[in-house]
Amino acid sequence: MSATPKKTGPKTEPQDLITAAKTGDRLATLISLRDLLAERLQHTNSGRDVGSIARQLIICLEEIDALREKDDDTDDNEITVDKLRERYGI
């Protein structure tokens, strides 16, 4: 039995972090930051830095998910009982 892939929301192409930040697009900036943090985590030689970078990456991923969920909610103006149950875990 295969797992259903998680809905990722609208695709935003990764950009250079500075370019993304200058656009003012928060999602694009976070995606660029995610990629930078993942690269740094992959290539760090410092055990001391792994925890800090990993924590920053996790926070960045949470922010991306939150923005994508917000976009999903605004794409569909109809609020259903199922959406409310999912949102509030009931």
PDB file of N, CA and C in Angstrom:
ATOM      1  N   MET A   1       0.841  -1.173   0.000  1.00  0.00           N
ATOM      2  CA  MET A   1       0.000   0.000   0.000  1.00  0.00           C
ATOM      3  C   MET A   1       0.891   1.242   0.000  1.00  0.00           C
ATOM      4  N   SER A   2       0.687   2.147  -0.927  1.00  0.00           N
ATOM      5  CA  SER A   2       1.528   3.335  -1.011  1.00  0.00           C
ATOM      6  C   SER A   2       0.885   4.498  -0.271  1.00  0.00           C
ATOM      7  N   ALA A   3       1.726   5.311   0.311  1.00  0.00           N
ATOM      8  CA  ALA A   3       1.246   6.486   1.041  1.00  0.00           C
ATOM      9  C   ALA A   3       0.872   7.577   0.061  1.00  0.00           C
ATOM     10  N   THR A   4      -0.147   8.338   0.414  1.00  0.00           N
ATOM     11  CA  THR A   4      -0.563   9.461  -0.409  1.00  0.00           C
ATOM     12  C   THR A   4       0.432  10.592  -0.222  1.00  0.00           C
ATOM     13  N   PRO A   5       0.971  11.144  -1.318  1.00  0.00           N
ATOM     14  CA  PRO A   5       1.936  12.228  -1.157  1.00  0.00           C
ATOM     15  C   PRO A   5       1.283  13.456  -0.544  1.00  0.00           C
ATOM     16  N   LYS A   6       2.034  14.157   0.287  1.00  0.00           N
ATOM     17  CA  LYS A   6       1.548  15.363   0.941  1.00  0.00           C
ATOM     18  C   LYS A   6       1.405  16.476  -0.087  1.00  0.00           C
ATOM     19  N   LYS A   7       0.294  17.175  -0.029  1.00  0.00           N
ATOM     20  CA  LYS A   7       0.076  18.306  -0.904  1.00  0.00           C
ATOM     21  C   LYS A   7       1.063  19.406  -0.545  1.00  0.00           C
ATOM     22  N   THR A   8       1.804  19.887  -1.513  1.00  0.00           N
ATOM     23  CA  THR A   8       2.837  20.872  -1.222  1.00  0.00           C
ATOM     24  C   THR A   8       2.412  22.296  -1.544  1.00  0.00           C
ATOM     25  N   GLY A   9       1.289  22.465  -2.176  1.00  0.00           N
ATOM     26  CA  GLY A   9       0.846  23.812  -2.496  1.00  0.00           C
ATOM     27  C   GLY A   9       1.480  24.309  -3.775  1.00  0.00           C
ATOM     28  N   PRO A  10       1.283  25.584  -4.062  1.00  0.00           N
ATOM     29  CA  PRO A  10       1.828  26.134  -5.295  1.00  0.00           C
ATOM     30  C   PRO A  10       3.340  26.032  -5.332  1.00  0.00           C
ATOM     31  N   LYS A  11       3.851  25.769  -6.508  1.00  0.00           N
ATOM     32  CA  LYS A  11       5.300  25.658  -6.674  1.00  0.00           C
ATOM     33  C   LYS A  11       5.901  27.046  -6.801  1.00  0.00           C
ATOM     34  N   THR A  12       6.989  27.240  -6.112  1.00  0.00           N
ATOM     35  CA  THR A  12       7.765  28.461  -6.234  1.00  0.00           C
ATOM     36  C   THR A  12       9.187  28.044  -6.531  1.00  0.00           C
ATOM     37  N   GLU A  13       9.725  28.528  -7.623  1.00  0.00           N
ATOM     38  CA  GLU A  13      11.071  28.149  -8.035  1.00  0.00           C
ATOM     39  C   GLU A  13      12.106  28.763  -7.097  1.00  0.00           C
ATOM     40  N   PRO A  14      13.103  27.972  -6.704  1.00  0.00           N
ATOM     41  CA  PRO A  14      14.171  28.531  -5.872  1.00  0.00           C
ATOM     42  C   PRO A  14      14.912  29.638  -6.613  1.00  0.00           C
ATOM     43  N   GLN A  15      15.270  30.671  -5.880  1.00  0.00           N
ATOM     44  CA  GLN A  15      16.014  31.786  -6.433  1.00  0.00           C
ATOM     45  C   GLN A  15      17.221  32.041  -5.545  1.00  0.00           C
ATOM     46  N   ASP A  16      18.102  32.870  -6.028  1.00  0.00           N
ATOM     47  CA  ASP A  16      19.177  33.387  -5.193  1.00  0.00           C
ATOM     48  C   ASP A  16      18.512  34.096  -4.013  1.00  0.00           C
ATOM     49  N   LEU A  17      19.046  33.917  -2.804  1.00  0.00           N
ATOM     50  CA  LEU A  17      18.418  34.460  -1.603  1.00  0.00           C
ATOM     51  C   LEU A  17      18.247  35.972  -1.680  1.00  0.00           C
ATOM     52  N   ILE A  18      19.251  36.680  -2.136  1.00  0.00           N
ATOM     53  CA  ILE A  18      19.165  38.139  -2.212  1.00  0.00           C
ATOM     54  C   ILE A  18      18.104  38.567  -3.223  1.00  0.00           C
ATOM     55  N   THR A  19      18.081  37.915  -4.366  1.00  0.00           N
ATOM     56  CA  THR A  19      17.079  38.226  -5.391  1.00  0.00           C
ATOM     57  C   THR A  19      15.676  37.968  -4.864  1.00  0.00           C
ATOM     58  N   ALA A  20      15.500  36.829  -4.200  1.00  0.00           N
ATOM     59  CA  ALA A  20      14.184  36.492  -3.651  1.00  0.00           C
ATOM     60  C   ALA A  20      13.760  37.509  -2.595  1.00  0.00           C
ATOM     61  N   ALA A  21      14.679  37.895  -1.728  1.00  0.00           N
ATOM     62  CA  ALA A  21      14.354  38.860  -0.674  1.00  0.00           C
ATOM     63  C   ALA A  21      13.967  40.213  -1.264  1.00  0.00           C
ATOM     64  N   LYS A  22      14.650  40.612  -2.322  1.00  0.00           N
ATOM     65  CA  LYS A  22      14.350  41.915  -2.941  1.00  0.00           C
ATOM     66  C   LYS A  22      12.965  41.954  -3.583  1.00  0.00           C
ATOM     67  N   THR A  23      12.436  40.793  -3.959  1.00  0.00           N
ATOM     68  CA  THR A  23      11.102  40.767  -4.575  1.00  0.00           C
ATOM     69  C   THR A  23      10.014  41.031  -3.555  1.00  0.00           C
ATOM     70  N   GLY A  24      10.333  40.779  -2.268  1.00  0.00           N
ATOM     71  CA  GLY A  24       9.316  40.933  -1.238  1.00  0.00           C
ATOM     72  C   GLY A  24       8.406  39.727  -1.124  1.00  0.00           C
ATOM     73  N   ASP A  25       8.663  38.696  -1.912  1.00  0.00           N
ATOM     74  CA  ASP A  25       7.863  37.470  -1.868  1.00  0.00           C
ATOM     75  C   ASP A  25       8.377  36.610  -0.717  1.00  0.00           C
ATOM     76  N   ARG A  26       7.614  36.561   0.344  1.00  0.00           N
ATOM     77  CA  ARG A  26       8.038  35.850   1.554  1.00  0.00           C
ATOM     78  C   ARG A  26       8.268  34.366   1.294  1.00  0.00           C
ATOM     79  N   LEU A  27       7.377  33.729   0.546  1.00  0.00           N
ATOM     80  CA  LEU A  27       7.518  32.303   0.268  1.00  0.00           C
ATOM     81  C   LEU A  27       8.778  32.022  -0.542  1.00  0.00           C
ATOM     82  N   ALA A  28       9.018  32.810  -1.562  1.00  0.00           N
ATOM     83  CA  ALA A  28      10.225  32.616  -2.382  1.00  0.00           C
ATOM     84  C   ALA A  28      11.485  32.835  -1.544  1.00  0.00           C
ATOM     85  N   THR A  29      11.444  33.809  -0.658  1.00  0.00           N
ATOM     86  CA  THR A  29      12.600  34.074   0.206  1.00  0.00           C
ATOM     87  C   THR A  29      12.835  32.917   1.161  1.00  0.00           C
ATOM     88  N   LEU A  30      11.775  32.399   1.753  1.00  0.00           N
ATOM     89  CA  LEU A  30      11.913  31.269   2.666  1.00  0.00           C
ATOM     90  C   LEU A  30      12.420  30.014   1.947  1.00  0.00           C
ATOM     91  N   ILE A  31      11.974  29.810   0.725  1.00  0.00           N
ATOM     92  CA  ILE A  31      12.442  28.657  -0.046  1.00  0.00           C
ATOM     93  C   ILE A  31      13.928  28.788  -0.338  1.00  0.00           C
ATOM     94  N   SER A  32      14.364  29.976  -0.692  1.00  0.00           N
ATOM     95  CA  SER A  32      15.795  30.199  -0.931  1.00  0.00           C
ATOM     96  C   SER A  32      16.601  30.015   0.352  1.00  0.00           C
ATOM     97  N   LEU A  33      16.062  30.494   1.461  1.00  0.00           N
ATOM     98  CA  LEU A  33      16.724  30.325   2.751  1.00  0.00           C
ATOM     99  C   LEU A  33      16.784  28.844   3.132  1.00  0.00           C
ATOM    100  N   ARG A  34      15.700  28.127   2.875  1.00  0.00           N
ATOM    101  CA  ARG A  34      15.682  26.682   3.131  1.00  0.00           C
ATOM    102  C   ARG A  34      16.807  25.976   2.397  1.00  0.00           C
ATOM    103  N   ASP A  35      16.956  26.317   1.123  1.00  0.00           N
ATOM    104  CA  ASP A  35      17.996  25.680   0.309  1.00  0.00           C
ATOM    105  C   ASP A  35      19.393  26.022   0.826  1.00  0.00           C
ATOM    106  N   LEU A  36      19.588  27.273   1.226  1.00  0.00           N
ATOM    107  CA  LEU A  36      20.882  27.689   1.773  1.00  0.00           C
ATOM    108  C   LEU A  36      21.187  26.951   3.077  1.00  0.00           C
ATOM    109  N   LEU A  37      20.197  26.867   3.965  1.00  0.00           N
ATOM    110  CA  LEU A  37      20.397  26.173   5.234  1.00  0.00           C
ATOM    111  C   LEU A  37      20.663  24.684   5.024  1.00  0.00           C
ATOM    112  N   ALA A  38      19.936  24.071   4.098  1.00  0.00           N
ATOM    113  CA  ALA A  38      20.158  22.648   3.824  1.00  0.00           C
ATOM    114  C   ALA A  38      21.560  22.408   3.290  1.00  0.00           C
ATOM    115  N   GLU A  39      22.017  23.296   2.422  1.00  0.00           N
ATOM    116  CA  GLU A  39      23.375  23.158   1.883  1.00  0.00           C
ATOM    117  C   GLU A  39      24.413  23.317   2.991  1.00  0.00           C
ATOM    118  N   ARG A  40      24.212  24.303   3.855  1.00  0.00           N
ATOM    119  CA  ARG A  40      25.160  24.505   4.964  1.00  0.00           C
ATOM    120  C   ARG A  40      25.164  23.317   5.915  1.00  0.00           C
ATOM    121  N   LEU A  41      23.976  22.778   6.195  1.00  0.00           N
ATOM    122  CA  LEU A  41      23.884  21.622   7.075  1.00  0.00           C
ATOM    123  C   LEU A  41      24.595  20.419   6.464  1.00  0.00           C
ATOM    124  N   GLN A  42      24.407  20.245   5.172  1.00  0.00           N
ATOM    125  CA  GLN A  42      25.029  19.121   4.468  1.00  0.00           C
ATOM    126  C   GLN A  42      26.559  19.204   4.506  1.00  0.00           C
ATOM    127  N   HIS A  43      27.090  20.415   4.452  1.00  0.00           N
ATOM    128  CA  HIS A  43      28.534  20.581   4.312  1.00  0.00           C
ATOM    129  C   HIS A  43      29.255  21.056   5.572  1.00  0.00           C
ATOM    130  N   THR A  44      28.534  21.148   6.697  1.00  0.00           N
ATOM    131  CA  THR A  44      29.212  21.610   7.901  1.00  0.00           C
ATOM    132  C   THR A  44      30.110  20.509   8.476  1.00  0.00           C
ATOM    133  N   ASN A  45      31.249  20.922   8.958  1.00  0.00           N
ATOM    134  CA  ASN A  45      32.175  20.000   9.602  1.00  0.00           C
ATOM    135  C   ASN A  45      32.174  20.188  11.108  1.00  0.00           C
ATOM    136  N   SER A  46      31.332  21.092  11.569  1.00  0.00           N
ATOM    137  CA  SER A  46      31.301  21.424  12.987  1.00  0.00           C
ATOM    138  C   SER A  46      30.092  20.780  13.652  1.00  0.00           C
ATOM    139  N   GLY A  47      30.349  19.850  14.553  1.00  0.00           N
ATOM    140  CA  GLY A  47      29.260  19.227  15.290  1.00  0.00           C
ATOM    141  C   GLY A  47      28.471  20.243  16.091  1.00  0.00           C
ATOM    142  N   ARG A  48      29.128  21.297  16.524  1.00  0.00           N
ATOM    143  CA  ARG A  48      28.484  22.359  17.289  1.00  0.00           C
ATOM    144  C   ARG A  48      27.447  23.098  16.445  1.00  0.00           C
ATOM    145  N   ASP A  49      27.716  23.247  15.161  1.00  0.00           N
ATOM    146  CA  ASP A  49      26.818  24.009  14.293  1.00  0.00           C
ATOM    147  C   ASP A  49      25.633  23.190  13.778  1.00  0.00           C
ATOM    148  N   VAL A  50      25.740  21.872  13.789  1.00  0.00           N
ATOM    149  CA  VAL A  50      24.678  21.029  13.234  1.00  0.00           C
ATOM    150  C   VAL A  50      23.337  21.309  13.892  1.00  0.00           C
ATOM    151  N   GLY A  51      23.303  21.339  15.218  1.00  0.00           N
ATOM    152  CA  GLY A  51      22.050  21.562  15.931  1.00  0.00           C
ATOM    153  C   GLY A  51      21.429  22.907  15.615  1.00  0.00           C
ATOM    154  N   SER A  52      22.247  23.940  15.584  1.00  0.00           N
ATOM    155  CA  SER A  52      21.756  25.287  15.314  1.00  0.00           C
ATOM    156  C   SER A  52      21.199  25.410  13.899  1.00  0.00           C
ATOM    157  N   ILE A  53      21.945  24.907  12.934  1.00  0.00           N
ATOM    158  CA  ILE A  53      21.490  24.989  11.540  1.00  0.00           C
ATOM    159  C   ILE A  53      20.243  24.142  11.344  1.00  0.00           C
ATOM    160  N   ALA A  54      20.221  22.947  11.942  1.00  0.00           N
ATOM    161  CA  ALA A  54      19.051  22.074  11.813  1.00  0.00           C
ATOM    162  C   ALA A  54      17.807  22.733  12.402  1.00  0.00           C
ATOM    163  N   ARG A  55      17.964  23.391  13.542  1.00  0.00           N
ATOM    164  CA  ARG A  55      16.827  24.078  14.165  1.00  0.00           C
ATOM    165  C   ARG A  55      16.322  25.209  13.275  1.00  0.00           C
ATOM    166  N   GLN A  56      17.236  25.970  12.707  1.00  0.00           N
ATOM    167  CA  GLN A  56      16.842  27.049  11.792  1.00  0.00           C
ATOM    168  C   GLN A  56      16.129  26.487  10.562  1.00  0.00           C
ATOM    169  N   LEU A  57      16.613  25.360  10.063  1.00  0.00           N
ATOM    170  CA  LEU A  57      15.986  24.730   8.899  1.00  0.00           C
ATOM    171  C   LEU A  57      14.571  24.269   9.231  1.00  0.00           C
ATOM    172  N   ILE A  58      14.401  23.668  10.394  1.00  0.00           N
ATOM    173  CA  ILE A  58      13.075  23.205  10.806  1.00  0.00           C
ATOM    174  C   ILE A  58      12.105  24.384  10.923  1.00  0.00           C
ATOM    175  N   ILE A  59      12.548  25.477  11.521  1.00  0.00           N
ATOM    176  CA  ILE A  59      11.698  26.667  11.642  1.00  0.00           C
ATOM    177  C   ILE A  59      11.332  27.205  10.266  1.00  0.00           C
ATOM    178  N   CYS A  60      12.291  27.230   9.372  1.00  0.00           N
ATOM    179  CA  CYS A  60      12.056  27.709   8.006  1.00  0.00           C
ATOM    180  C   CYS A  60      11.024  26.822   7.299  1.00  0.00           C
ATOM    181  N   LEU A  61      11.157  25.507   7.447  1.00  0.00           N
ATOM    182  CA  LEU A  61      10.205  24.575   6.829  1.00  0.00           C
ATOM    183  C   LEU A  61       8.798  24.763   7.395  1.00  0.00           C
ATOM    184  N   GLU A  62       8.701  25.012   8.692  1.00  0.00           N
ATOM    185  CA  GLU A  62       7.394  25.259   9.312  1.00  0.00           C
ATOM    186  C   GLU A  62       6.760  26.525   8.748  1.00  0.00           C
ATOM    187  N   GLU A  63       7.574  27.563   8.562  1.00  0.00           N
ATOM    188  CA  GLU A  63       7.066  28.816   7.992  1.00  0.00           C
ATOM    189  C   GLU A  63       6.580  28.610   6.555  1.00  0.00           C
ATOM    190  N   ILE A  64       7.332  27.836   5.773  1.00  0.00           N
ATOM    191  CA  ILE A  64       6.921  27.546   4.390  1.00  0.00           C
ATOM    192  C   ILE A  64       5.585  26.811   4.394  1.00  0.00           C
ATOM    193  N   ASP A  65       5.465  25.783   5.241  1.00  0.00           N
ATOM    194  CA  ASP A  65       4.209  25.034   5.319  1.00  0.00           C
ATOM    195  C   ASP A  65       3.048  25.937   5.720  1.00  0.00           C
ATOM    196  N   ALA A  66       3.285  26.824   6.687  1.00  0.00           N
ATOM    197  CA  ALA A  66       2.227  27.722   7.149  1.00  0.00           C
ATOM    198  C   ALA A  66       1.777  28.660   6.030  1.00  0.00           C
ATOM    199  N   LEU A  67       2.724  29.191   5.282  1.00  0.00           N
ATOM    200  CA  LEU A  67       2.351  30.080   4.173  1.00  0.00           C
ATOM    201  C   LEU A  67       1.597  29.324   3.089  1.00  0.00           C
ATOM    202  N   ARG A  68       2.022  28.118   2.801  1.00  0.00           N
ATOM    203  CA  ARG A  68       1.328  27.316   1.787  1.00  0.00           C
ATOM    204  C   ARG A  68      -0.075  26.948   2.240  1.00  0.00           C
ATOM    205  N   GLU A  69      -0.242  26.625   3.512  1.00  0.00           N
ATOM    206  CA  GLU A  69      -1.578  26.335   4.045  1.00  0.00           C
ATOM    207  C   GLU A  69      -2.463  27.569   3.968  1.00  0.00           C
ATOM    208  N   LYS A  70      -1.887  28.723   4.278  1.00  0.00           N
ATOM    209  CA  LYS A  70      -2.643  29.977   4.196  1.00  0.00           C
ATOM    210  C   LYS A  70      -3.080  30.217   2.755  1.00  0.00           C
ATOM    211  N   ASP A  71      -2.181  29.985   1.798  1.00  0.00           N
ATOM    212  CA  ASP A  71      -2.530  30.133   0.387  1.00  0.00           C
ATOM    213  C   ASP A  71      -3.624  29.162  -0.010  1.00  0.00           C
ATOM    214  N   ASP A  72      -3.552  27.927   0.489  1.00  0.00           N
ATOM    215  CA  ASP A  72      -4.584  26.934   0.190  1.00  0.00           C
ATOM    216  C   ASP A  72      -5.932  27.382   0.727  1.00  0.00           C
ATOM    217  N   ASP A  73      -5.940  27.961   1.937  1.00  0.00           N
ATOM    218  CA  ASP A  73      -7.179  28.429   2.537  1.00  0.00           C
ATOM    219  C   ASP A  73      -7.767  29.594   1.765  1.00  0.00           C
ATOM    220  N   THR A  74      -6.936  30.496   1.263  1.00  0.00           N
ATOM    221  CA  THR A  74      -7.452  31.651   0.543  1.00  0.00           C
ATOM    222  C   THR A  74      -7.864  31.292  -0.873  1.00  0.00           C
ATOM    223  N   ASP A  75      -7.313  30.199  -1.423  1.00  0.00           N
ATOM    224  CA  ASP A  75      -7.723  29.763  -2.758  1.00  0.00           C
ATOM    225  C   ASP A  75      -9.153  29.255  -2.748  1.00  0.00           C
ATOM    226  N   ASP A  76      -9.567  28.695  -1.646  1.00  0.00           N
ATOM    227  CA  ASP A  76     -10.902  28.124  -1.535  1.00  0.00           C
ATOM    228  C   ASP A  76     -11.634  28.869  -0.424  1.00  0.00           C
ATOM    229  N   ASN A  77     -12.511  29.795  -0.806  1.00  0.00           N
ATOM    230  CA  ASN A  77     -13.178  30.641   0.172  1.00  0.00           C
ATOM    231  C   ASN A  77     -14.198  29.889   1.019  1.00  0.00           C
ATOM    232  N   GLU A  78     -14.600  28.699   0.587  1.00  0.00           N
ATOM    233  CA  GLU A  78     -15.596  27.934   1.316  1.00  0.00           C
ATOM    234  C   GLU A  78     -14.944  27.206   2.494  1.00  0.00           C
ATOM    235  N   ILE A  79     -15.428  27.485   3.678  1.00  0.00           N
ATOM    236  CA  ILE A  79     -14.943  26.804   4.871  1.00  0.00           C
ATOM    237  C   ILE A  79     -15.903  25.658   5.149  1.00  0.00           C
ATOM    238  N   THR A  80     -15.375  24.449   5.190  1.00  0.00           N
ATOM    239  CA  THR A  80     -16.204  23.280   5.452  1.00  0.00           C
ATOM    240  C   THR A  80     -15.913  22.766   6.845  1.00  0.00           C
ATOM    241  N   VAL A  81     -16.818  21.937   7.339  1.00  0.00           N
ATOM    242  CA  VAL A  81     -16.616  21.322   8.647  1.00  0.00           C
ATOM    243  C   VAL A  81     -15.343  20.486   8.632  1.00  0.00           C
ATOM    244  N   ASP A  82     -15.091  19.783   7.533  1.00  0.00           N
ATOM    245  CA  ASP A  82     -13.879  18.969   7.431  1.00  0.00           C
ATOM    246  C   ASP A  82     -12.624  19.825   7.536  1.00  0.00           C
ATOM    247  N   LYS A  83     -12.632  21.000   6.907  1.00  0.00           N
ATOM    248  CA  LYS A  83     -11.476  21.895   6.992  1.00  0.00           C
ATOM    249  C   LYS A  83     -11.266  22.381   8.419  1.00  0.00           C
ATOM    250  N   LEU A  84     -12.347  22.717   9.098  1.00  0.00           N
ATOM    251  CA  LEU A  84     -12.232  23.166  10.480  1.00  0.00           C
ATOM    252  C   LEU A  84     -11.730  22.048  11.390  1.00  0.00           C
ATOM    253  N   ARG A  85     -12.234  20.841  11.175  1.00  0.00           N
ATOM    254  CA  ARG A  85     -11.771  19.711  11.978  1.00  0.00           C
ATOM    255  C   ARG A  85     -10.283  19.465  11.747  1.00  0.00           C
ATOM    256  N   GLU A  86      -9.872  19.534  10.483  1.00  0.00           N
ATOM    257  CA  GLU A  86      -8.455  19.318  10.165  1.00  0.00           C
ATOM    258  C   GLU A  86      -7.587  20.400  10.796  1.00  0.00           C
ATOM    259  N   ARG A  87      -8.034  21.637  10.686  1.00  0.00           N
ATOM    260  CA  ARG A  87      -7.270  22.757  11.207  1.00  0.00           C
ATOM    261  C   ARG A  87      -7.115  22.693  12.729  1.00  0.00           C
ATOM    262  N   TYR A  88      -8.183  22.320  13.410  1.00  0.00           N
ATOM    263  CA  TYR A  88      -8.155  22.353  14.869  1.00  0.00           C
ATOM    264  C   TYR A  88      -7.998  20.969  15.506  1.00  0.00           C
ATOM    265  N   GLY A  89      -7.756  19.946  14.675  1.00  0.00           N
ATOM    266  CA  GLY A  89      -7.462  18.614  15.190  1.00  0.00           C
ATOM    267  C   GLY A  89      -8.603  17.969  15.942  1.00  0.00           C
ATOM    268  N   ILE A  90      -9.834  18.187  15.484  1.00  0.00           N
ATOM    269  CA  ILE A  90     -10.986  17.557  16.153  1.00  0.00           C
ATOM    270  C   ILE A  90     -11.699  16.600  15.220  1.00  0.00           C
TER     271      ILE A  90
END
